[in-house]
């Protein structure tokens, strides 16, 4: 049996492209998730949909994904995940990457593609960090614009103080965890700059001593 797994990072993205491809490939069951998943194959933090898909797998089955990075980008995690599937007699297939672990070439290609996926993610993170450093050196902040409105920012600010995590808030608002974190940090920065600007503009009181 072919069992499909599909994932998008936010509720703004659409699963149809992936699910249609999985159906066309012949998947009889498809499980989905809407969340980020850099290390989604980790047994301790596996995505709910992927966990259900794995629970359905039996010897002779094949787990199918639309593209490898939909499963995860951590090379070690992906390889361990594929090895665990192999130990229970389950194969793995990625449609867009032309990976099929039922063949020796497919297994080798899986290793290469997994390494390239992590390298791409690492390079993207490095470029983003370099951009932020350059922006700070010129006195400005860089990054995505906040996707949270004023009311949501107020709620997030108050809720984070009660012990809620950025991940929980991200799920509540349907955005990425990084969006919540960056939005709150940006809000704090604006408040600090506004306070500093207010102090700078406040006129100093000058007292002159008059001698009669």
Protein backbone atom coordinates (compact mmCIF):
# COMPACT_ATOMS: atom_id res chain seq x y z
CA UNK A 1 0.00 0.00 0.00
CA UNK A 2 1.13 3.55 -0.77
CA UNK A 3 0.53 5.96 2.12
CA UNK A 4 1.04 9.68 1.53
CA UNK A 5 2.27 12.45 3.81
CA UNK A 6 1.80 16.15 2.97
CA UNK A 7 2.78 19.29 4.86
CA UNK A 8 2.62 23.07 4.55
CA UNK A 9 4.19 25.54 6.98
CA UNK A 10 1.26 27.94 7.50
CA UNK A 11 -2.50 28.07 7.04
CA UNK A 12 -1.98 30.56 4.20
CA UNK A 13 -0.47 27.79 2.08
CA UNK A 14 -2.48 25.19 0.18
CA UNK A 15 -2.13 21.41 0.40
CA UNK A 16 -3.91 20.70 -2.89
CA UNK A 17 -0.77 20.55 -5.04
CA UNK A 18 0.76 17.89 -2.80
CA UNK A 19 -2.38 15.85 -2.16
CA UNK A 20 -3.28 15.81 -5.87
CA UNK A 21 0.20 14.50 -6.72
CA UNK A 22 -0.05 11.86 -3.99
CA UNK A 23 -3.46 10.72 -5.26
CA UNK A 24 -2.15 10.57 -8.83
CA UNK A 25 0.78 8.42 -7.62
CA UNK A 26 -1.70 5.93 -6.17
CA UNK A 27 -1.74 6.69 -2.44
CA UNK A 28 -4.73 5.06 -0.76
CA UNK A 29 -4.36 7.05 2.44
CA UNK A 30 -3.03 10.60 2.87
CA UNK A 31 -2.18 12.36 6.13
CA UNK A 32 -1.53 16.10 6.36
CA UNK A 33 -0.04 18.72 8.69
CA UNK A 34 0.10 22.51 8.81
CA UNK A 35 3.25 23.44 10.71
CA UNK A 36 6.96 23.98 10.28
CA UNK A 37 9.01 20.80 10.37
CA UNK A 38 12.77 21.25 10.27
CA UNK A 39 13.15 18.18 12.51
CA UNK A 40 9.71 16.69 11.99
CA UNK A 41 11.00 13.11 11.71
CA UNK A 42 12.28 13.14 15.30
CA UNK A 43 10.23 10.49 17.18
CA UNK A 44 10.03 12.82 20.22
CA UNK A 45 8.52 15.67 18.23
CA UNK A 46 7.03 14.04 15.17
CA UNK A 47 4.25 15.91 13.41
CA UNK A 48 0.76 14.55 14.27
CA UNK A 49 -0.10 13.75 10.64
CA UNK A 50 3.22 12.05 9.98
CA UNK A 51 2.87 10.09 13.22
CA UNK A 52 -0.54 8.80 12.07
CA UNK A 53 0.90 7.88 8.67
CA UNK A 54 3.74 5.93 10.29
CA UNK A 55 1.27 4.17 12.56
CA UNK A 56 -0.59 2.93 9.48
CA UNK A 57 2.51 1.58 7.73
CA UNK A 58 3.06 -2.18 7.53
CA UNK A 59 5.76 -4.35 5.97
CA UNK A 60 5.60 -4.02 2.20
CA UNK A 61 4.07 -0.52 2.30
CA UNK A 62 5.69 2.64 0.94
CA UNK A 63 5.56 6.10 2.49
CA UNK A 64 5.24 8.75 -0.22
CA UNK A 65 5.90 12.50 0.01
CA UNK A 66 5.63 15.17 -2.68
CA UNK A 67 9.13 16.52 -2.00
CA UNK A 68 11.82 15.60 0.52
CA UNK A 69 11.85 18.95 2.32
CA UNK A 70 8.15 18.43 3.14
CA UNK A 71 9.35 15.64 5.42
CA UNK A 72 12.28 17.52 6.98
CA UNK A 73 15.67 19.11 6.30
CA UNK A 74 17.86 17.52 8.95
CA UNK A 75 20.08 15.02 7.11
CA UNK A 76 20.77 12.80 10.10
CA UNK A 77 17.10 12.77 11.05
CA UNK A 78 15.97 11.92 7.53
CA UNK A 79 18.48 9.10 7.18
CA UNK A 80 17.56 7.63 10.57
CA UNK A 81 13.88 7.93 9.68
CA UNK A 82 14.38 6.09 6.37
CA UNK A 83 16.46 3.45 8.14
CA UNK A 84 13.73 2.92 10.74
CA UNK A 85 11.21 2.45 7.94
CA UNK A 86 13.53 -0.04 6.27
CA UNK A 87 13.81 -2.07 9.47
CA UNK A 88 10.05 -2.65 9.53
CA UNK A 89 9.98 -3.48 5.82
CA UNK A 90 8.68 -0.10 4.62
CA UNK A 91 10.10 1.78 1.63
CA UNK A 92 10.19 5.52 0.95
CA UNK A 93 9.41 7.56 -2.14
CA UNK A 94 9.67 11.27 -2.99
CA UNK A 95 7.77 12.27 -6.13
CA UNK A 96 9.52 15.49 -7.16
CA UNK A 97 13.01 14.25 -6.20
CA UNK A 98 12.59 10.93 -8.06
CA UNK A 99 13.68 9.05 -4.93
CA UNK A 100 12.64 5.43 -4.52
CA UNK A 101 14.43 3.42 -1.83
CA UNK A 102 13.36 0.12 -3.36
CA UNK A 103 16.45 0.46 -5.58
CA UNK A 104 20.15 0.87 -4.73
CA UNK A 105 20.37 4.00 -6.90
CA UNK A 106 17.30 5.39 -5.18
CA UNK A 107 18.84 4.89 -1.73
CA UNK A 108 22.06 6.62 -2.82
CA UNK A 109 20.13 9.49 -4.36
CA UNK A 110 18.15 9.84 -1.14
CA UNK A 111 21.37 10.46 0.82
CA UNK A 112 22.59 13.05 -1.71
CA UNK A 113 19.28 14.94 -1.87
CA UNK A 114 18.95 14.96 1.93
CA UNK A 115 22.43 16.49 2.25
CA UNK A 116 21.59 19.11 -0.39
CA UNK A 117 18.32 19.99 1.37
CA UNK A 118 20.14 20.67 4.63
CA UNK A 119 22.88 22.63 2.86
CA UNK A 120 20.27 24.83 1.19
CA UNK A 121 18.53 25.46 4.52
CA UNK A 122 21.86 26.30 6.20
CA UNK A 123 22.86 28.68 3.40
CA UNK A 124 19.48 30.41 3.60
CA UNK A 125 19.91 30.87 7.36
CA UNK A 126 23.43 32.24 6.85
CA UNK A 127 22.24 34.73 4.22
CA UNK A 128 19.39 35.87 6.46
CA UNK A 129 21.79 36.35 9.39
CA UNK A 130 24.21 38.30 7.18
CA UNK A 131 21.35 40.50 6.01
CA UNK A 132 20.27 41.23 9.59
CA UNK A 133 23.84 42.07 10.61
CA UNK A 134 24.23 44.42 7.65
CA UNK A 135 20.90 46.09 8.45
CA UNK A 136 21.84 46.58 12.09
CA UNK A 137 25.17 48.13 11.09
CA UNK A 138 23.19 50.75 9.14
CA UNK A 139 20.80 51.34 12.01
CA UNK A 140 17.78 49.49 10.73
CA UNK A 141 16.16 46.10 11.19
CA UNK A 142 15.58 43.58 8.40
CA UNK A 143 13.29 40.58 7.93
CA UNK A 144 9.71 39.81 7.00
CA UNK A 145 6.97 42.27 7.75
CA UNK A 146 4.79 41.33 10.67
CA UNK A 147 1.73 39.25 9.74
CA UNK A 148 0.12 40.00 13.10
CA UNK A 149 -2.22 42.96 13.42
CA UNK A 150 -2.17 45.39 16.34
CA UNK A 151 -4.76 43.47 18.36
CA UNK A 152 -2.94 40.17 17.85
CA UNK A 153 0.36 41.74 18.90
CA UNK A 154 -1.26 43.02 22.08
CA UNK A 155 -2.69 39.58 22.85
CA UNK A 156 0.62 37.86 22.05
CA UNK A 157 2.58 40.27 24.25
CA UNK A 158 0.26 39.70 27.20
CA UNK A 159 0.05 35.94 26.68
CA UNK A 160 3.79 35.32 26.36
CA UNK A 161 4.21 36.84 29.82
CA UNK A 162 1.97 34.10 31.26
CA UNK A 163 4.30 31.34 30.10
CA UNK A 164 2.88 30.52 26.66
CA UNK A 165 5.48 29.53 24.06
CA UNK A 166 6.04 31.17 20.68
CA UNK A 167 5.04 27.88 19.06
CA UNK A 168 1.68 27.84 20.85
CA UNK A 169 0.98 31.43 19.83
CA UNK A 170 1.98 30.63 16.25
CA UNK A 171 -0.59 27.81 16.17
CA UNK A 172 -3.24 30.13 17.63
CA UNK A 173 -2.71 32.85 15.01
CA UNK A 174 -1.92 30.50 12.10
CA UNK A 175 1.55 31.91 11.40
CA UNK A 176 5.11 30.66 11.68
CA UNK A 177 6.83 30.63 15.09
CA UNK A 178 9.49 33.00 13.73
CA UNK A 179 6.76 35.48 12.74
CA UNK A 180 5.48 35.68 16.32
CA UNK A 181 8.99 36.05 17.74
CA UNK A 182 10.10 38.68 15.21
CA UNK A 183 6.84 40.63 15.55
CA UNK A 184 7.15 40.85 19.33
CA UNK A 185 10.83 41.79 19.15
CA UNK A 186 10.05 44.45 16.55
CA UNK A 187 7.28 45.85 18.75
CA UNK A 188 9.66 46.05 21.73
CA UNK A 189 12.27 47.78 19.59
CA UNK A 190 9.75 50.38 18.37
CA UNK A 191 8.62 51.08 21.93
CA UNK A 192 12.20 51.49 23.12
CA UNK A 193 13.06 53.83 20.24
CA UNK A 194 9.90 55.86 20.87
CA UNK A 195 10.75 56.22 24.57
CA UNK A 196 14.31 57.25 23.79
CA UNK A 197 13.07 59.74 21.19
CA UNK A 198 10.62 61.21 23.68
CA UNK A 199 13.36 61.72 26.25
CA UNK A 200 15.63 63.34 23.68
CA UNK A 201 12.94 65.83 22.62
CA UNK A 202 11.96 66.81 26.17
CA UNK A 203 13.25 70.37 26.77
CA UNK A 204 15.59 70.89 29.65
CA UNK A 205 14.47 73.21 32.40
CA UNK A 206 16.90 76.08 32.76
CA UNK A 207 17.01 77.98 36.06
CA UNK A 208 18.79 81.31 36.14
CA UNK A 209 19.97 82.83 39.36
CA UNK A 210 19.09 86.52 39.45
CA UNK A 211 21.02 88.80 41.75
CA UNK A 212 19.24 91.97 42.87
